[in-house]
Amino acid sequence: MLIVFEGIDGSGKTTQAELLSKRLNGEGVLNAIMREPGGTPLGEGIREILLHRSDMKISRITEFLLFSASRAQLTEEKILPLLNSGVVVIVDRFFYSSIAYQGFGRGIPVSEIESVNHFATQNVIPDVVFLFELDIESALERRSLSGKAADRIEKGEMEFFQRVIDGFAYCAEQEPNRFVTVDGREPIDVLSEEIFQNVMNRIKKVKENGP
């Protein structure tokens, strides 16, 4: 089973992905958690360039292709082998982020992004995508309170992030049976329980009915 967490930075997706992994461990469910961009030595190197090398000028197309390269390596090196061995894979961001950030945010045609995404992921599709909804102001406030410095992507203007939010909404509309939209403003423990129960129900159905 492939589980993906999506949403703007500060929405709570990373915290919830980590909590889900811990709770699955507690239930004896073998799982692996990873992030995008990153998750492999090559991917982490690309992550450093994309998010922290402000001295480099990166065009919007180059940015997208670098994200895609990291995604391709993660799929080949980690996601596919783990899925084939029966491990539940949890990914903090996947190709929907490229549709939202580089498509709606940067203006690259979504059709082009989708074509490259399918190639990069070898047509791997998540079983469920948890989309965290949160307004921009709340997300920025959370980041400020955390004391975490904004990376290159996070330094975008408000209008950019609104387009990104619209991009995630578009993805959810295109795949309503795959997306589960959650309110990022809910308490952490409430969200954790909601997500955990959703996943455990899916695992139970797979065991009962087969993949």
Protein backbone atom coordinates (compact mmCIF):
# COMPACT_ATOMS: atom_id res chain seq x y z
CA MET A 1 0.00 0.00 0.00
CA LEU A 2 1.28 3.44 -0.97
CA ILE A 3 0.11 6.31 1.24
CA VAL A 4 0.87 9.91 0.26
CA PHE A 5 0.62 13.08 2.33
CA GLU A 6 0.15 16.36 0.44
CA GLY A 7 -0.46 20.02 1.26
CA ILE A 8 1.33 23.32 1.57
CA ASP A 9 4.26 23.70 3.95
CA GLY A 10 3.03 24.22 7.50
CA SER A 11 -0.19 22.28 6.97
CA GLY A 12 0.87 19.51 9.35
CA LYS A 13 1.38 16.74 6.80
CA THR A 14 4.93 15.85 7.86
CA THR A 15 3.97 15.55 11.53
CA GLN A 16 1.02 13.34 10.65
CA ALA A 17 3.06 11.14 8.32
CA GLU A 18 5.53 10.48 11.12
CA LEU A 19 2.75 9.80 13.62
CA LEU A 20 1.08 7.35 11.26
CA SER A 21 4.34 5.45 10.82
CA LYS A 22 4.79 5.19 14.60
CA ARG A 23 1.22 4.02 15.12
CA LEU A 24 1.53 1.40 12.39
CA ASN A 25 4.73 0.19 14.06
CA GLY A 26 2.75 -0.17 17.26
CA GLU A 27 0.26 -2.38 15.46
CA GLY A 28 3.00 -4.53 13.97
CA VAL A 29 2.39 -3.19 10.46
CA LEU A 30 5.68 -3.14 8.57
CA ASN A 31 6.08 0.30 7.00
CA ALA A 32 8.64 2.74 5.65
CA ILE A 33 8.45 6.53 5.60
CA MET A 34 10.29 8.82 3.21
CA ARG A 35 10.15 12.36 1.87
CA GLU A 36 10.25 14.21 -1.39
CA PRO A 37 12.51 15.51 -2.66
CA GLY A 38 14.95 13.14 -0.99
CA GLY A 39 14.73 9.64 0.41
CA THR A 40 17.87 8.43 -1.38
CA PRO A 41 21.47 9.72 -1.42
CA LEU A 42 20.89 11.21 -4.88
CA GLY A 43 17.52 12.63 -3.87
CA GLU A 44 18.95 14.29 -0.78
CA GLY A 45 21.62 15.93 -2.92
CA ILE A 46 18.93 17.24 -5.26
CA ARG A 47 16.93 18.43 -2.24
CA GLU A 48 19.89 20.51 -1.08
CA ILE A 49 20.13 22.19 -4.49
CA LEU A 50 16.39 22.80 -4.83
CA LEU A 51 15.65 24.12 -1.36
CA HIS A 52 18.84 25.57 0.07
CA ARG A 53 21.12 26.81 -2.72
CA SER A 54 19.86 30.38 -3.02
CA ASP A 55 23.10 31.25 -4.83
CA MET A 56 21.96 29.20 -7.82
CA LYS A 57 19.53 30.46 -10.43
CA ILE A 58 17.09 27.63 -11.18
CA SER A 59 14.56 28.03 -13.95
CA ARG A 60 11.01 26.75 -13.45
CA ILE A 61 11.54 23.91 -15.95
CA THR A 62 14.86 22.91 -14.38
CA GLU A 63 13.19 22.99 -10.97
CA PHE A 64 10.47 20.64 -12.16
CA LEU A 65 12.92 18.25 -13.82
CA LEU A 66 15.07 18.11 -10.68
CA PHE A 67 12.03 17.24 -8.57
CA SER A 68 11.15 14.59 -11.15
CA ALA A 69 14.68 13.16 -11.12
CA SER A 70 14.57 12.81 -7.33
CA ARG A 71 11.13 11.18 -7.63
CA ALA A 72 12.33 8.74 -10.29
CA GLN A 73 15.26 7.64 -8.13
CA LEU A 74 13.06 7.26 -5.05
CA THR A 75 10.55 5.17 -6.97
CA GLU A 76 13.18 2.88 -8.48
CA GLU A 77 15.40 2.54 -5.41
CA LYS A 78 12.88 2.51 -2.57
CA ILE A 79 9.15 2.65 -3.35
CA LEU A 80 8.81 -0.20 -5.86
CA PRO A 81 11.03 -2.72 -4.00
CA LEU A 82 9.24 -2.00 -0.72
CA LEU A 83 5.77 -2.26 -2.23
CA ASN A 84 6.71 -5.51 -3.95
CA SER A 85 7.83 -6.94 -0.61
CA GLY A 86 4.51 -6.06 1.05
CA VAL A 87 5.68 -3.03 3.05
CA VAL A 88 3.31 -0.11 3.59
CA VAL A 89 5.06 2.92 2.09
CA ILE A 90 4.36 6.43 3.43
CA VAL A 91 5.60 9.33 1.32
CA ASP A 92 5.65 12.97 2.42
CA ARG A 93 4.83 14.52 -0.99
CA PHE A 94 4.62 12.80 -4.36
CA PHE A 95 3.87 13.88 -7.92
CA TYR A 96 0.76 15.87 -6.94
CA SER A 97 3.12 18.45 -5.43
CA SER A 98 4.61 19.04 -8.87
CA ILE A 99 1.15 19.63 -10.31
CA ALA A 100 0.42 22.12 -7.52
CA TYR A 101 3.78 23.90 -7.22
CA GLN A 102 5.32 23.73 -10.68
CA GLY A 103 2.03 23.46 -12.60
CA PHE A 104 -0.37 25.85 -10.91
CA GLY A 105 2.34 27.76 -9.04
CA ARG A 106 4.97 28.20 -11.76
CA GLY A 107 2.72 27.95 -14.81
CA ILE A 108 4.13 24.81 -16.45
CA PRO A 109 1.37 23.04 -18.42
CA VAL A 110 -0.22 20.38 -16.23
CA SER A 111 -0.39 17.97 -19.16
CA GLU A 112 3.41 18.13 -19.50
CA ILE A 113 3.87 17.57 -15.77
CA GLU A 114 1.53 14.59 -15.74
CA SER A 115 3.34 12.99 -18.67
CA VAL A 116 6.76 13.29 -17.00
CA ASN A 117 5.31 12.20 -13.65
CA HIS A 118 3.99 8.95 -15.09
CA PHE A 119 7.36 8.26 -16.67
CA ALA A 120 9.34 9.14 -13.52
CA THR A 121 7.17 6.99 -11.23
CA GLN A 122 6.79 4.09 -13.67
CA ASN A 123 3.03 4.65 -13.42
CA VAL A 124 2.96 3.98 -9.66
CA ILE A 125 -0.28 5.38 -8.25
CA PRO A 126 -0.96 5.92 -4.52
CA ASP A 127 -3.70 3.92 -2.84
CA VAL A 128 -4.72 6.96 -0.80
CA VAL A 129 -3.67 10.61 -0.66
CA PHE A 130 -4.28 12.63 2.50
CA LEU A 131 -4.57 16.28 1.49
CA PHE A 132 -4.14 18.76 4.32
CA GLU A 133 -6.17 21.93 3.87
CA LEU A 134 -4.92 25.05 5.61
CA ASP A 135 -5.09 28.73 4.77
CA ILE A 136 -1.89 30.54 3.88
CA GLU A 137 -1.93 32.86 6.89
CA SER A 138 -2.13 29.96 9.36
CA ALA A 139 0.62 28.06 7.56
CA LEU A 140 2.93 31.09 7.65
CA GLU A 141 2.18 31.66 11.33
CA ARG A 142 3.05 28.06 12.15
CA ARG A 143 6.33 28.34 10.29
CA SER A 144 7.17 31.55 12.11
CA LEU A 145 6.42 30.03 15.52
CA SER A 146 8.55 26.99 14.73
CA GLY A 147 11.57 29.20 14.17
CA LYS A 148 12.36 27.30 10.99
CA ALA A 149 13.96 29.37 8.26
CA ALA A 150 12.06 29.44 4.97
CA ASP A 151 13.64 27.50 2.14
CA ARG A 152 13.78 28.69 -1.48
CA ILE A 153 10.30 27.37 -2.32
CA GLU A 154 8.73 28.64 0.90
CA LYS A 155 9.89 32.18 0.13
CA GLY A 156 7.28 32.49 -2.61
CA GLU A 157 4.69 35.28 -2.54
CA MET A 158 1.15 34.90 -1.19
CA GLU A 159 -0.30 34.76 -4.70
CA PHE A 160 2.03 31.87 -5.51
CA PHE A 161 0.85 29.84 -2.53
CA GLN A 162 -2.78 30.52 -3.35
CA ARG A 163 -2.20 29.08 -6.80
CA VAL A 164 -0.54 26.07 -5.16
CA ILE A 165 -3.58 25.55 -2.93
CA ASP A 166 -5.77 25.75 -6.03
CA GLY A 167 -3.53 23.14 -7.64
CA PHE A 168 -4.02 20.69 -4.80
CA ALA A 169 -7.77 21.28 -4.96
CA TYR A 170 -7.63 20.48 -8.68
CA CYS A 171 -5.84 17.18 -7.96
CA ALA A 172 -8.48 16.22 -5.39
CA GLU A 173 -11.26 17.02 -7.83
CA GLN A 174 -9.66 14.86 -10.51
CA GLU A 175 -9.31 11.85 -8.21
CA PRO A 176 -12.08 12.06 -5.57
CA ASN A 177 -11.91 8.34 -4.77
CA ARG A 178 -8.20 8.50 -4.03
CA PHE A 179 -8.04 11.75 -2.05
CA VAL A 180 -9.05 12.17 1.59
CA THR A 181 -9.17 15.84 2.49
CA VAL A 182 -8.48 16.68 6.14
CA ASP A 183 -8.66 19.96 8.06
CA GLY A 184 -5.15 21.04 8.98
CA ARG A 185 -6.56 23.20 11.78
CA GLU A 186 -7.78 20.22 13.80
CA PRO A 187 -5.79 19.17 16.90
CA ILE A 188 -2.85 16.90 16.15
CA ASP A 189 -4.23 13.95 18.11
CA VAL A 190 -7.66 14.20 16.45
CA LEU A 191 -6.11 14.19 12.98
CA SER A 192 -3.78 11.36 13.88
CA GLU A 193 -6.67 9.17 15.02
CA GLU A 194 -8.72 10.01 11.92
CA ILE A 195 -5.88 9.12 9.56
CA PHE A 196 -4.87 6.01 11.50
CA GLN A 197 -8.39 4.58 11.48
CA ASN A 198 -8.76 5.31 7.76
CA VAL A 199 -5.52 3.46 6.98
CA MET A 200 -6.27 0.51 9.27
CA ASN A 201 -9.67 0.08 7.61
CA ARG A 202 -7.97 0.00 4.21
CA ILE A 203 -5.42 -2.55 5.40
CA LYS A 204 -8.24 -4.69 6.79
CA LYS A 205 -10.08 -4.60 3.47
CA VAL A 206 -6.95 -5.61 1.58
CA LYS A 207 -6.43 -8.57 3.90
CA GLU A 208 -10.07 -9.61 3.51
CA ASN A 209 -10.40 -9.11 -0.23
CA GLY A 210 -6.83 -9.32 -1.47
CA PRO A 211 -4.96 -6.56 -3.33
